[in-house]
Amino acid sequence: MIGTIVSVDSVAGARVEQGATLLSIESMKMEYPVVAPVTGMVERINVSVGDLTEENQVLLVISP
């Protein structure tokens, strides 16, 4: 999705549950949450608030 990161709700090293909101993207004046597809640990976050995103960009990495 092309948009702007409006919030990052997790940190590297944090344990997250499946379905937890990790960050939010604003696109076309709508805000979309990005949720964890699996339970695991956030290995790294590749974006910050205000960053523009591109299609197929890896926003963060979770290891199960």
PDB file of N, CA and C in Angstrom:
ATOM      1  N   MET A   1       0.849  -1.180   0.000  1.00  0.00           N
ATOM      2  CA  MET A   1       0.000   0.000   0.000  1.00  0.00           C
ATOM      3  C   MET A   1       0.893   1.240   0.000  1.00  0.00           C
ATOM      4  N   ILE A   2       0.534   2.198  -0.789  1.00  0.00           N
ATOM      5  CA  ILE A   2       1.251   3.465  -0.819  1.00  0.00           C
ATOM      6  C   ILE A   2       0.581   4.390   0.184  1.00  0.00           C
ATOM      7  N   GLY A   3       1.375   5.005   1.058  1.00  0.00           N
ATOM      8  CA  GLY A   3       0.818   5.889   2.068  1.00  0.00           C
ATOM      9  C   GLY A   3       1.897   6.464   2.953  1.00  0.00           C
ATOM     10  N   THR A   4       1.482   7.004   4.091  1.00  0.00           N
ATOM     11  CA  THR A   4       2.383   7.610   5.063  1.00  0.00           C
ATOM     12  C   THR A   4       2.196   6.925   6.406  1.00  0.00           C
ATOM     13  N   ILE A   5       3.293   6.598   7.066  1.00  0.00           N
ATOM     14  CA  ILE A   5       3.233   5.992   8.398  1.00  0.00           C
ATOM     15  C   ILE A   5       2.789   7.070   9.387  1.00  0.00           C
ATOM     16  N   VAL A   6       1.680   6.816  10.101  1.00  0.00           N
ATOM     17  CA  VAL A   6       1.179   7.792  11.075  1.00  0.00           C
ATOM     18  C   VAL A   6       1.438   7.375  12.516  1.00  0.00           C
ATOM     19  N   SER A   7       1.663   6.074  12.759  1.00  0.00           N
ATOM     20  CA  SER A   7       2.030   5.636  14.109  1.00  0.00           C
ATOM     21  C   SER A   7       2.754   4.303  14.029  1.00  0.00           C
ATOM     22  N   VAL A   8       3.696   4.119  14.952  1.00  0.00           N
ATOM     23  CA  VAL A   8       4.386   2.843  15.115  1.00  0.00           C
ATOM     24  C   VAL A   8       4.105   2.422  16.548  1.00  0.00           C
ATOM     25  N   ASP A   9       3.359   1.326  16.707  1.00  0.00           N
ATOM     26  CA  ASP A   9       2.865   0.916  18.018  1.00  0.00           C
ATOM     27  C   ASP A   9       3.629  -0.258  18.620  1.00  0.00           C
ATOM     28  N   SER A  10       4.799  -0.551  18.078  1.00  0.00           N
ATOM     29  CA  SER A  10       5.610  -1.646  18.595  1.00  0.00           C
ATOM     30  C   SER A  10       7.072  -1.228  18.550  1.00  0.00           C
ATOM     31  N   VAL A  11       7.923  -2.021  19.182  1.00  0.00           N
ATOM     32  CA  VAL A  11       9.365  -1.758  19.176  1.00  0.00           C
ATOM     33  C   VAL A  11      10.091  -3.066  18.879  1.00  0.00           C
ATOM     34  N   ALA A  12      11.299  -2.962  18.356  1.00  0.00           N
ATOM     35  CA  ALA A  12      12.105  -4.145  18.102  1.00  0.00           C
ATOM     36  C   ALA A  12      12.350  -4.869  19.418  1.00  0.00           C
ATOM     37  N   GLY A  13      12.208  -6.176  19.392  1.00  0.00           N
ATOM     38  CA  GLY A  13      12.399  -6.988  20.583  1.00  0.00           C
ATOM     39  C   GLY A  13      11.126  -7.281  21.348  1.00  0.00           C
ATOM     40  N   ALA A  14      10.035  -6.619  20.968  1.00  0.00           N
ATOM     41  CA  ALA A  14       8.759  -6.824  21.668  1.00  0.00           C
ATOM     42  C   ALA A  14       8.093  -8.108  21.192  1.00  0.00           C
ATOM     43  N   ARG A  15       7.444  -8.788  22.115  1.00  0.00           N
ATOM     44  CA  ARG A  15       6.652  -9.980  21.766  1.00  0.00           C
ATOM     45  C   ARG A  15       5.244  -9.488  21.432  1.00  0.00           C
ATOM     46  N   VAL A  16       4.705  -9.952  20.312  1.00  0.00           N
ATOM     47  CA  VAL A  16       3.374  -9.536  19.873  1.00  0.00           C
ATOM     48  C   VAL A  16       2.499 -10.760  19.628  1.00  0.00           C
ATOM     49  N   GLU A  17       1.219 -10.575  19.854  1.00  0.00           N
ATOM     50  CA  GLU A  17       0.236 -11.622  19.602  1.00  0.00           C
ATOM     51  C   GLU A  17      -0.364 -11.426  18.222  1.00  0.00           C
ATOM     52  N   GLN A  18      -0.795 -12.509  17.606  1.00  0.00           N
ATOM     53  CA  GLN A  18      -1.454 -12.433  16.314  1.00  0.00           C
ATOM     54  C   GLN A  18      -2.645 -11.484  16.420  1.00  0.00           C
ATOM     55  N   GLY A  19      -2.769 -10.573  15.464  1.00  0.00           N
ATOM     56  CA  GLY A  19      -3.866  -9.615  15.446  1.00  0.00           C
ATOM     57  C   GLY A  19      -3.575  -8.296  16.135  1.00  0.00           C
ATOM     58  N   ALA A  20      -2.435  -8.194  16.841  1.00  0.00           N
ATOM     59  CA  ALA A  20      -2.071  -6.940  17.512  1.00  0.00           C
ATOM     60  C   ALA A  20      -1.708  -5.882  16.471  1.00  0.00           C
ATOM     61  N   THR A  21      -2.117  -4.643  16.707  1.00  0.00           N
ATOM     62  CA  THR A  21      -1.776  -3.551  15.798  1.00  0.00           C
ATOM     63  C   THR A  21      -0.312  -3.185  15.968  1.00  0.00           C
ATOM     64  N   LEU A  22       0.429  -3.186  14.867  1.00  0.00           N
ATOM     65  CA  LEU A  22       1.858  -2.893  14.887  1.00  0.00           C
ATOM     66  C   LEU A  22       2.160  -1.465  14.460  1.00  0.00           C
ATOM     67  N   LEU A  23       1.411  -0.975  13.480  1.00  0.00           N
ATOM     68  CA  LEU A  23       1.573   0.389  12.995  1.00  0.00           C
ATOM     69  C   LEU A  23       0.351   0.777  12.201  1.00  0.00           C
ATOM     70  N   SER A  24       0.266   2.056  11.843  1.00  0.00           N
ATOM     71  CA  SER A  24      -0.870   2.542  11.047  1.00  0.00           C
ATOM     72  C   SER A  24      -0.351   3.333   9.859  1.00  0.00           C
ATOM     73  N   ILE A  25      -1.048   3.179   8.738  1.00  0.00           N
ATOM     74  CA  ILE A  25      -0.701   3.873   7.496  1.00  0.00           C
ATOM     75  C   ILE A  25      -1.891   4.718   7.067  1.00  0.00           C
ATOM     76  N   GLU A  26      -1.621   5.954   6.656  1.00  0.00           N
ATOM     77  CA  GLU A  26      -2.663   6.810   6.093  1.00  0.00           C
ATOM     78  C   GLU A  26      -2.517   6.804   4.580  1.00  0.00           C
ATOM     79  N   SER A  27      -3.624   6.498   3.915  1.00  0.00           N
ATOM     80  CA  SER A  27      -3.641   6.488   2.458  1.00  0.00           C
ATOM     81  C   SER A  27      -4.999   7.003   2.005  1.00  0.00           C
ATOM     82  N   MET A  28      -5.004   7.958   1.112  1.00  0.00           N
ATOM     83  CA  MET A  28      -6.236   8.547   0.589  1.00  0.00           C
ATOM     84  C   MET A  28      -7.147   9.038   1.718  1.00  0.00           C
ATOM     85  N   LYS A  29      -6.547   9.680   2.720  1.00  0.00           N
ATOM     86  CA  LYS A  29      -7.241  10.286   3.862  1.00  0.00           C
ATOM     87  C   LYS A  29      -7.947   9.277   4.765  1.00  0.00           C
ATOM     88  N   MET A  30      -7.566   7.996   4.656  1.00  0.00           N
ATOM     89  CA  MET A  30      -8.087   6.943   5.533  1.00  0.00           C
ATOM     90  C   MET A  30      -6.898   6.339   6.273  1.00  0.00           C
ATOM     91  N   GLU A  31      -7.124   5.915   7.514  1.00  0.00           N
ATOM     92  CA  GLU A  31      -6.066   5.296   8.308  1.00  0.00           C
ATOM     93  C   GLU A  31      -6.301   3.790   8.364  1.00  0.00           C
ATOM     94  N   TYR A  32      -5.253   3.025   8.065  1.00  0.00           N
ATOM     95  CA  TYR A  32      -5.334   1.573   8.014  1.00  0.00           C
ATOM     96  C   TYR A  32      -4.360   0.964   9.023  1.00  0.00           C
ATOM     97  N   PRO A  33      -4.844   0.099   9.920  1.00  0.00           N
ATOM     98  CA  PRO A  33      -3.925  -0.565  10.854  1.00  0.00           C
ATOM     99  C   PRO A  33      -3.213  -1.722  10.147  1.00  0.00           C
ATOM    100  N   VAL A  34      -1.964  -1.939  10.518  1.00  0.00           N
ATOM    101  CA  VAL A  34      -1.212  -3.107  10.061  1.00  0.00           C
ATOM    102  C   VAL A  34      -1.100  -4.013  11.274  1.00  0.00           C
ATOM    103  N   VAL A  35      -1.655  -5.223  11.174  1.00  0.00           N
ATOM    104  CA  VAL A  35      -1.703  -6.125  12.323  1.00  0.00           C
ATOM    105  C   VAL A  35      -0.742  -7.296  12.135  1.00  0.00           C
ATOM    106  N   ALA A  36      -0.337  -7.880  13.255  1.00  0.00           N
ATOM    107  CA  ALA A  36       0.580  -9.020  13.236  1.00  0.00           C
ATOM    108  C   ALA A  36      -0.122 -10.240  12.653  1.00  0.00           C
ATOM    109  N   PRO A  37       0.450 -10.843  11.614  1.00  0.00           N
ATOM    110  CA  PRO A  37      -0.161 -12.035  11.028  1.00  0.00           C
ATOM    111  C   PRO A  37       0.081 -13.295  11.864  1.00  0.00           C
ATOM    112  N   VAL A  38       1.099 -13.243  12.735  1.00  0.00           N
ATOM    113  CA  VAL A  38       1.462 -14.385  13.582  1.00  0.00           C
ATOM    114  C   VAL A  38       1.892 -13.876  14.958  1.00  0.00           C
ATOM    115  N   THR A  39       1.897 -14.768  15.941  1.00  0.00           N
ATOM    116  CA  THR A  39       2.465 -14.450  17.252  1.00  0.00           C
ATOM    117  C   THR A  39       3.970 -14.632  17.145  1.00  0.00           C
ATOM    118  N   GLY A  40       4.724 -13.690  17.683  1.00  0.00           N
ATOM    119  CA  GLY A  40       6.177 -13.797  17.622  1.00  0.00           C
ATOM    120  C   GLY A  40       6.861 -12.579  18.186  1.00  0.00           C
ATOM    121  N   MET A  41       8.130 -12.407  17.816  1.00  0.00           N
ATOM    122  CA  MET A  41       8.933 -11.292  18.296  1.00  0.00           C
ATOM    123  C   MET A  41       9.258 -10.365  17.131  1.00  0.00           C
ATOM    124  N   VAL A  42       9.115  -9.065  17.364  1.00  0.00           N
ATOM    125  CA  VAL A  42       9.450  -8.077  16.341  1.00  0.00           C
ATOM    126  C   VAL A  42      10.980  -8.031  16.243  1.00  0.00           C
ATOM    127  N   GLU A  43      11.506  -8.443  15.103  1.00  0.00           N
ATOM    128  CA  GLU A  43      12.957  -8.462  14.894  1.00  0.00           C
ATOM    129  C   GLU A  43      13.478  -7.073  14.553  1.00  0.00           C
ATOM    130  N   ARG A  44      12.795  -6.404  13.615  1.00  0.00           N
ATOM    131  CA  ARG A  44      13.210  -5.044  13.247  1.00  0.00           C
ATOM    132  C   ARG A  44      12.033  -4.299  12.623  1.00  0.00           C
ATOM    133  N   ILE A  45      12.096  -2.993  12.748  1.00  0.00           N
ATOM    134  CA  ILE A  45      11.089  -2.110  12.156  1.00  0.00           C
ATOM    135  C   ILE A  45      11.809  -1.245  11.136  1.00  0.00           C
ATOM    136  N   ASN A  46      11.347  -1.278   9.902  1.00  0.00           N
ATOM    137  CA  ASN A  46      12.040  -0.599   8.804  1.00  0.00           C
ATOM    138  C   ASN A  46      11.477   0.778   8.472  1.00  0.00           C
ATOM    139  N   VAL A  47      10.491   1.261   9.232  1.00  0.00           N
ATOM    140  CA  VAL A  47       9.869   2.554   8.950  1.00  0.00           C
ATOM    141  C   VAL A  47       9.743   3.376  10.235  1.00  0.00           C
ATOM    142  N   SER A  48       9.549   4.672  10.064  1.00  0.00           N
ATOM    143  CA  SER A  48       9.317   5.597  11.172  1.00  0.00           C
ATOM    144  C   SER A  48       8.099   6.449  10.843  1.00  0.00           C
ATOM    145  N   VAL A  49       7.554   7.110  11.836  1.00  0.00           N
ATOM    146  CA  VAL A  49       6.415   8.008  11.620  1.00  0.00           C
ATOM    147  C   VAL A  49       6.824   9.077  10.602  1.00  0.00           C
ATOM    148  N   GLY A  50       5.958   9.295   9.626  1.00  0.00           N
ATOM    149  CA  GLY A  50       6.205  10.293   8.586  1.00  0.00           C
ATOM    150  C   GLY A  50       6.800   9.719   7.316  1.00  0.00           C
ATOM    151  N   ASP A  51       7.304   8.481   7.367  1.00  0.00           N
ATOM    152  CA  ASP A  51       7.879   7.863   6.174  1.00  0.00           C
ATOM    153  C   ASP A  51       6.796   7.571   5.139  1.00  0.00           C
ATOM    154  N   LEU A  52       7.140   7.727   3.868  1.00  0.00           N
ATOM    155  CA  LEU A  52       6.253   7.331   2.780  1.00  0.00           C
ATOM    156  C   LEU A  52       6.535   5.877   2.455  1.00  0.00           C
ATOM    157  N   THR A  53       5.487   5.106   2.217  1.00  0.00           N
ATOM    158  CA  THR A  53       5.658   3.689   1.905  1.00  0.00           C
ATOM    159  C   THR A  53       5.405   3.442   0.423  1.00  0.00           C
ATOM    160  N   GLU A  54       5.956   2.333  -0.053  1.00  0.00           N
ATOM    161  CA  GLU A  54       5.771   1.927  -1.438  1.00  0.00           C
ATOM    162  C   GLU A  54       5.115   0.559  -1.472  1.00  0.00           C
ATOM    163  N   GLU A  55       4.586   0.178  -2.617  1.00  0.00           N
ATOM    164  CA  GLU A  55       4.006  -1.153  -2.764  1.00  0.00           C
ATOM    165  C   GLU A  55       5.072  -2.209  -2.521  1.00  0.00           C
ATOM    166  N   ASN A  56       4.687  -3.272  -1.827  1.00  0.00           N
ATOM    167  CA  ASN A  56       5.553  -4.425  -1.542  1.00  0.00           C
ATOM    168  C   ASN A  56       6.752  -4.103  -0.655  1.00  0.00           C
ATOM    169  N   GLN A  57       6.759  -2.977   0.026  1.00  0.00           N
ATOM    170  CA  GLN A  57       7.839  -2.627   0.942  1.00  0.00           C
ATOM    171  C   GLN A  57       7.709  -3.441   2.228  1.00  0.00           C
ATOM    172  N   VAL A  58       8.812  -3.955   2.743  1.00  0.00           N
ATOM    173  CA  VAL A  58       8.817  -4.670   4.009  1.00  0.00           C
ATOM    174  C   VAL A  58       8.844  -3.627   5.125  1.00  0.00           C
ATOM    175  N   LEU A  59       7.746  -3.547   5.896  1.00  0.00           N
ATOM    176  CA  LEU A  59       7.625  -2.536   6.940  1.00  0.00           C
ATOM    177  C   LEU A  59       8.300  -2.982   8.236  1.00  0.00           C
ATOM    178  N   LEU A  60       8.135  -4.258   8.568  1.00  0.00           N
ATOM    179  CA  LEU A  60       8.783  -4.815   9.753  1.00  0.00           C
ATOM    180  C   LEU A  60       8.890  -6.309   9.611  1.00  0.00           C
ATOM    181  N   VAL A  61       9.709  -6.912  10.473  1.00  0.00           N
ATOM    182  CA  VAL A  61       9.944  -8.358  10.411  1.00  0.00           C
ATOM    183  C   VAL A  61       9.589  -8.958  11.759  1.00  0.00           C
ATOM    184  N   ILE A  62       8.801 -10.043  11.743  1.00  0.00           N
ATOM    185  CA  ILE A  62       8.425 -10.772  12.951  1.00  0.00           C
ATOM    186  C   ILE A  62       8.942 -12.204  12.812  1.00  0.00           C
ATOM    187  N   SER A  63       9.623 -12.681  13.848  1.00  0.00           N
ATOM    188  CA  SER A  63      10.028 -14.087  13.835  1.00  0.00           C
ATOM    189  C   SER A  63       9.122 -14.844  14.787  1.00  0.00           C
ATOM    190  N   PRO A  64       8.556 -15.954  14.306  1.00  0.00           N
ATOM    191  CA  PRO A  64       7.640 -16.724  15.143  1.00  0.00           C
ATOM    192  C   PRO A  64       8.348 -17.424  16.299  1.00  0.00           C
TER     193      PRO A  64
END
